[in-house]
Amino acid sequence: MIRVCIVCEGQTEVEFVKSCLAPYLLASQVQAFPSLLQSPSGNHRGGRVTVERLARFMSHQYHQTDRITTLVDFYGFQDRDGLSRAQLEAAIRAGVATTPGYDPRFVLPYVQMYEFEGLLFSDPEQFAWVEDGWNEQVKQQLTAVSAAFASPEDINNSSETAPSKRILRIFPEGSYSKTEHGPLIAESIGIDTIRVKCPAFSEWVGQLQAWGRPA
């Protein structure tokens, strides 16, 4: 069994790893566990992700696990400055590469396009878990968003059109809770369905599975 640390930027991602991803990976002999990104002082600041902060935290965690990866939103990076997902991942890897004993085979930076909430559009009907706000109109609006893009990972990022902002606009105010409903919806959808709809996510999960499978 290979122990894999998944560095998460927020509590929603932590719960997703615990309830959805970790059980899924066990069949591949991968024991995945989340680690919440923290500041050097040890406090979780949430949302203010930078390449330097992430790489430093991964370096601190590097020798406490067999493998290490990330689950952070592209949208949340404070210093992306026009960088692509691949460029951000390369920059994170370069930062971790200064760690004593670093082995590139054991490190896999992953940035989710555009944010975790995009994955939930893999099956809009599972938003029914938001019981207080669910109705036919909400269902139609969520389905329309999903149908407008080739993949949930293509739902664009801006202050107005990011997946999370769309969800909050569609549901009645206060009815959708990211930390409460996000992992529940993802668990109901299932990793296999999300993988079919989200190719970058699927590739990442496949790489995690490969870590646990014998050569």
Protein backbone atom coordinates (compact mmCIF):
# COMPACT_ATOMS: atom_id res chain seq x y z
CA MET A 1 0.00 0.00 0.00
CA ILE A 2 1.39 3.40 -1.05
CA ARG A 3 0.60 6.37 1.19
CA VAL A 4 -0.24 9.47 -0.86
CA CYS A 5 -0.61 12.91 0.70
CA ILE A 6 -3.03 15.17 -1.20
CA VAL A 7 -2.46 18.81 -0.29
CA CYS A 8 -5.81 20.62 -0.40
CA GLU A 9 -6.49 24.34 -0.35
CA GLY A 10 -9.74 24.18 1.59
CA GLN A 11 -12.03 22.12 3.77
CA THR A 12 -14.32 21.20 0.86
CA GLU A 13 -11.46 19.50 -0.96
CA VAL A 14 -10.37 17.79 2.27
CA GLU A 15 -13.83 16.27 2.71
CA PHE A 16 -13.95 15.28 -0.97
CA VAL A 17 -10.68 13.37 -0.60
CA LYS A 18 -11.87 11.65 2.57
CA SER A 19 -15.34 10.65 1.42
CA CYS A 20 -14.89 10.13 -2.33
CA LEU A 21 -11.35 9.91 -3.64
CA ALA A 22 -9.58 7.96 -0.89
CA PRO A 23 -12.09 5.06 -0.90
CA TYR A 24 -11.92 4.94 -4.71
CA LEU A 25 -8.12 4.66 -4.74
CA LEU A 26 -7.93 1.83 -2.21
CA ALA A 27 -8.59 -0.72 -4.97
CA SER A 28 -5.33 0.42 -6.58
CA GLN A 29 -3.38 -0.07 -3.35
CA VAL A 30 -3.24 3.68 -2.76
CA GLN A 31 -3.93 5.00 0.73
CA ALA A 32 -4.70 8.65 0.06
CA PHE A 33 -5.12 11.22 2.82
CA PRO A 34 -5.70 14.99 2.68
CA SER A 35 -3.46 17.62 4.21
CA LEU A 36 -4.88 21.12 4.56
CA LEU A 37 -2.63 23.85 3.18
CA GLN A 38 -1.35 26.03 6.00
CA SER A 39 0.72 29.15 6.39
CA PRO A 40 4.25 28.94 7.87
CA SER A 41 2.73 29.93 11.23
CA GLY A 42 0.59 26.78 11.13
CA ASN A 43 -2.70 28.60 10.59
CA HIS A 44 -4.97 27.78 7.67
CA ARG A 45 -5.65 30.93 5.71
CA GLY A 46 -7.75 29.44 2.90
CA GLY A 47 -8.09 30.76 -0.61
CA ARG A 48 -4.87 32.75 -0.84
CA VAL A 49 -2.84 30.15 -2.70
CA THR A 50 0.54 30.99 -4.20
CA VAL A 51 3.14 28.81 -5.87
CA GLU A 52 5.69 29.61 -3.17
CA ARG A 53 3.36 28.87 -0.28
CA LEU A 54 2.22 25.59 -1.84
CA ALA A 55 5.73 24.41 -2.73
CA ARG A 56 7.02 25.25 0.75
CA PHE A 57 4.20 23.33 2.40
CA MET A 58 4.76 20.33 0.12
CA SER A 59 8.45 20.36 1.02
CA HIS A 60 7.55 20.20 4.70
CA GLN A 61 5.25 17.22 4.04
CA TYR A 62 7.56 15.45 1.59
CA HIS A 63 9.34 13.13 4.05
CA GLN A 64 6.15 12.25 5.95
CA THR A 65 4.59 10.23 3.14
CA ASP A 66 5.46 7.97 0.19
CA ARG A 67 4.10 10.26 -2.51
CA ILE A 68 2.68 13.77 -2.59
CA THR A 69 0.26 15.58 -4.88
CA THR A 70 -2.11 18.56 -4.79
CA LEU A 71 -5.76 19.40 -5.31
CA VAL A 72 -5.94 23.17 -5.71
CA ASP A 73 -8.08 25.40 -7.89
CA PHE A 74 -6.62 27.29 -10.84
CA TYR A 75 -9.01 30.10 -10.01
CA GLY A 76 -7.63 30.46 -6.49
CA PHE A 77 -4.00 31.20 -7.34
CA GLN A 78 -3.03 34.72 -6.32
CA ASP A 79 0.09 34.75 -8.50
CA ARG A 80 -0.94 33.01 -11.71
CA ASP A 81 -0.46 36.23 -13.76
CA GLY A 82 -1.44 34.70 -17.10
CA LEU A 83 0.24 31.35 -16.44
CA SER A 84 -1.43 28.21 -17.77
CA ARG A 85 -2.30 25.21 -15.63
CA ALA A 86 0.77 23.36 -16.93
CA GLN A 87 3.01 26.33 -16.15
CA LEU A 88 1.67 26.57 -12.61
CA GLU A 89 2.24 22.87 -12.06
CA ALA A 90 5.77 23.16 -13.43
CA ALA A 91 6.46 26.10 -11.12
CA ILE A 92 5.20 24.16 -8.11
CA ARG A 93 7.40 21.21 -9.03
CA ALA A 94 10.41 23.48 -9.41
CA GLY A 95 9.79 24.85 -5.93
CA VAL A 96 9.55 21.39 -4.39
CA ALA A 97 12.66 20.24 -6.28
CA THR A 98 14.87 22.08 -3.78
CA THR A 99 13.75 19.69 -1.03
CA PRO A 100 16.60 17.47 0.28
CA GLY A 101 16.21 13.96 -1.14
CA TYR A 102 13.73 15.13 -3.78
CA ASP A 103 12.70 12.48 -6.33
CA PRO A 104 10.52 13.74 -9.21
CA ARG A 105 8.80 10.35 -9.45
CA PHE A 106 7.18 10.91 -6.08
CA VAL A 107 5.75 14.40 -6.64
CA LEU A 108 2.71 15.27 -8.77
CA PRO A 109 1.43 18.86 -8.68
CA TYR A 110 -2.17 19.04 -9.89
CA VAL A 111 -4.25 22.16 -10.50
CA GLN A 112 -7.99 21.70 -11.04
CA MET A 113 -9.59 23.68 -13.86
CA TYR A 114 -11.17 26.00 -13.00
CA GLU A 115 -12.18 25.06 -9.50
CA PHE A 116 -13.52 22.09 -7.54
CA GLU A 117 -17.16 23.14 -8.05
CA GLY A 118 -16.80 22.56 -11.77
CA LEU A 119 -16.62 18.81 -11.12
CA LEU A 120 -20.12 18.92 -9.66
CA PHE A 121 -21.54 19.81 -13.08
CA SER A 122 -20.70 16.26 -14.18
CA ASP A 123 -24.25 15.37 -13.13
CA PRO A 124 -26.44 18.40 -12.33
CA GLU A 125 -29.27 16.22 -11.00
CA GLN A 126 -27.19 15.37 -7.94
CA PHE A 127 -27.50 18.98 -6.77
CA ALA A 128 -30.82 17.71 -5.40
CA TRP A 129 -28.83 17.19 -2.19
CA VAL A 130 -29.35 20.93 -1.67
CA GLU A 131 -32.83 20.12 -0.45
CA ASP A 132 -33.82 23.60 0.71
CA GLY A 133 -33.12 25.17 -2.67
CA TRP A 134 -33.85 22.40 -5.15
CA ASN A 135 -36.65 22.83 -7.65
CA GLU A 136 -37.32 22.31 -11.36
CA GLN A 137 -36.11 25.78 -12.31
CA VAL A 138 -32.81 25.27 -10.48
CA LYS A 139 -32.40 21.89 -12.19
CA GLN A 140 -32.96 23.43 -15.63
CA GLN A 141 -30.48 26.24 -15.01
CA LEU A 142 -27.75 23.88 -13.77
CA THR A 143 -28.35 21.54 -16.71
CA ALA A 144 -28.11 24.48 -19.13
CA VAL A 145 -24.71 25.45 -17.71
CA SER A 146 -23.46 21.89 -18.04
CA ALA A 147 -24.76 21.58 -21.62
CA ALA A 148 -23.05 24.80 -22.69
CA PHE A 149 -19.55 23.34 -22.25
CA ALA A 150 -17.78 20.30 -23.67
CA SER A 151 -16.55 19.45 -20.18
CA PRO A 152 -17.22 20.79 -16.68
CA GLU A 153 -13.52 21.69 -16.64
CA ASP A 154 -14.21 24.22 -19.40
CA ILE A 155 -16.65 26.27 -17.32
CA ASN A 156 -14.77 29.54 -17.46
CA ASN A 157 -13.21 31.48 -14.63
CA SER A 158 -13.88 35.08 -13.80
CA SER A 159 -15.33 36.98 -10.91
CA GLU A 160 -18.79 36.44 -12.42
CA THR A 161 -18.70 33.15 -14.33
CA ALA A 162 -16.64 30.75 -12.22
CA PRO A 163 -18.52 27.52 -11.40
CA SER A 164 -19.03 28.44 -7.74
CA LYS A 165 -20.43 31.85 -8.65
CA ARG A 166 -22.87 30.24 -11.08
CA ILE A 167 -24.07 27.83 -8.39
CA LEU A 168 -24.57 30.60 -5.86
CA ARG A 169 -26.55 32.68 -8.38
CA ILE A 170 -28.79 29.76 -9.35
CA PHE A 171 -29.72 28.61 -5.85
CA PRO A 172 -31.80 30.75 -3.49
CA GLU A 173 -29.55 32.76 -1.19
CA GLY A 174 -28.17 30.76 1.71
CA SER A 175 -29.39 27.37 0.52
CA TYR A 176 -26.11 26.10 -0.97
CA SER A 177 -23.14 25.48 1.33
CA LYS A 178 -19.87 24.67 -0.40
CA THR A 179 -18.41 22.68 2.48
CA GLU A 180 -21.63 20.86 3.34
CA HIS A 181 -23.10 20.13 -0.08
CA GLY A 182 -20.05 19.95 -2.36
CA PRO A 183 -18.63 16.64 -1.05
CA LEU A 184 -22.14 15.13 -0.77
CA ILE A 185 -22.91 15.96 -4.39
CA ALA A 186 -19.53 14.64 -5.57
CA GLU A 187 -20.00 11.41 -3.63
CA SER A 188 -23.44 10.94 -5.16
CA ILE A 189 -22.08 11.55 -8.67
CA GLY A 190 -19.21 9.10 -8.16
CA ILE A 191 -15.57 9.30 -9.24
CA ASP A 192 -16.14 7.17 -12.35
CA THR A 193 -18.78 9.56 -13.73
CA ILE A 194 -16.63 12.59 -12.93
CA ARG A 195 -13.72 10.95 -14.75
CA VAL A 196 -15.83 10.44 -17.88
CA LYS A 197 -16.78 14.11 -17.93
CA CYS A 198 -13.51 15.68 -16.74
CA PRO A 199 -10.43 14.50 -18.68
CA ALA A 200 -7.76 16.40 -16.73
CA PHE A 201 -9.15 15.15 -13.43
CA SER A 202 -9.32 11.62 -14.87
CA GLU A 203 -5.70 11.74 -15.99
CA TRP A 204 -4.62 12.85 -12.52
CA VAL A 205 -6.58 10.06 -10.82
CA GLY A 206 -5.06 7.57 -13.25
CA GLN A 207 -1.57 8.74 -12.29
CA LEU A 208 -2.41 8.30 -8.62
CA GLN A 209 -3.65 4.79 -9.34
CA ALA A 210 -0.43 4.01 -11.20
CA TRP A 211 1.57 4.85 -8.06
CA GLY A 212 -0.10 1.97 -6.24
CA ARG A 213 -0.13 -0.64 -8.95
CA PRO A 214 2.88 -2.97 -9.21
CA ALA A 215 5.14 -2.35 -12.21
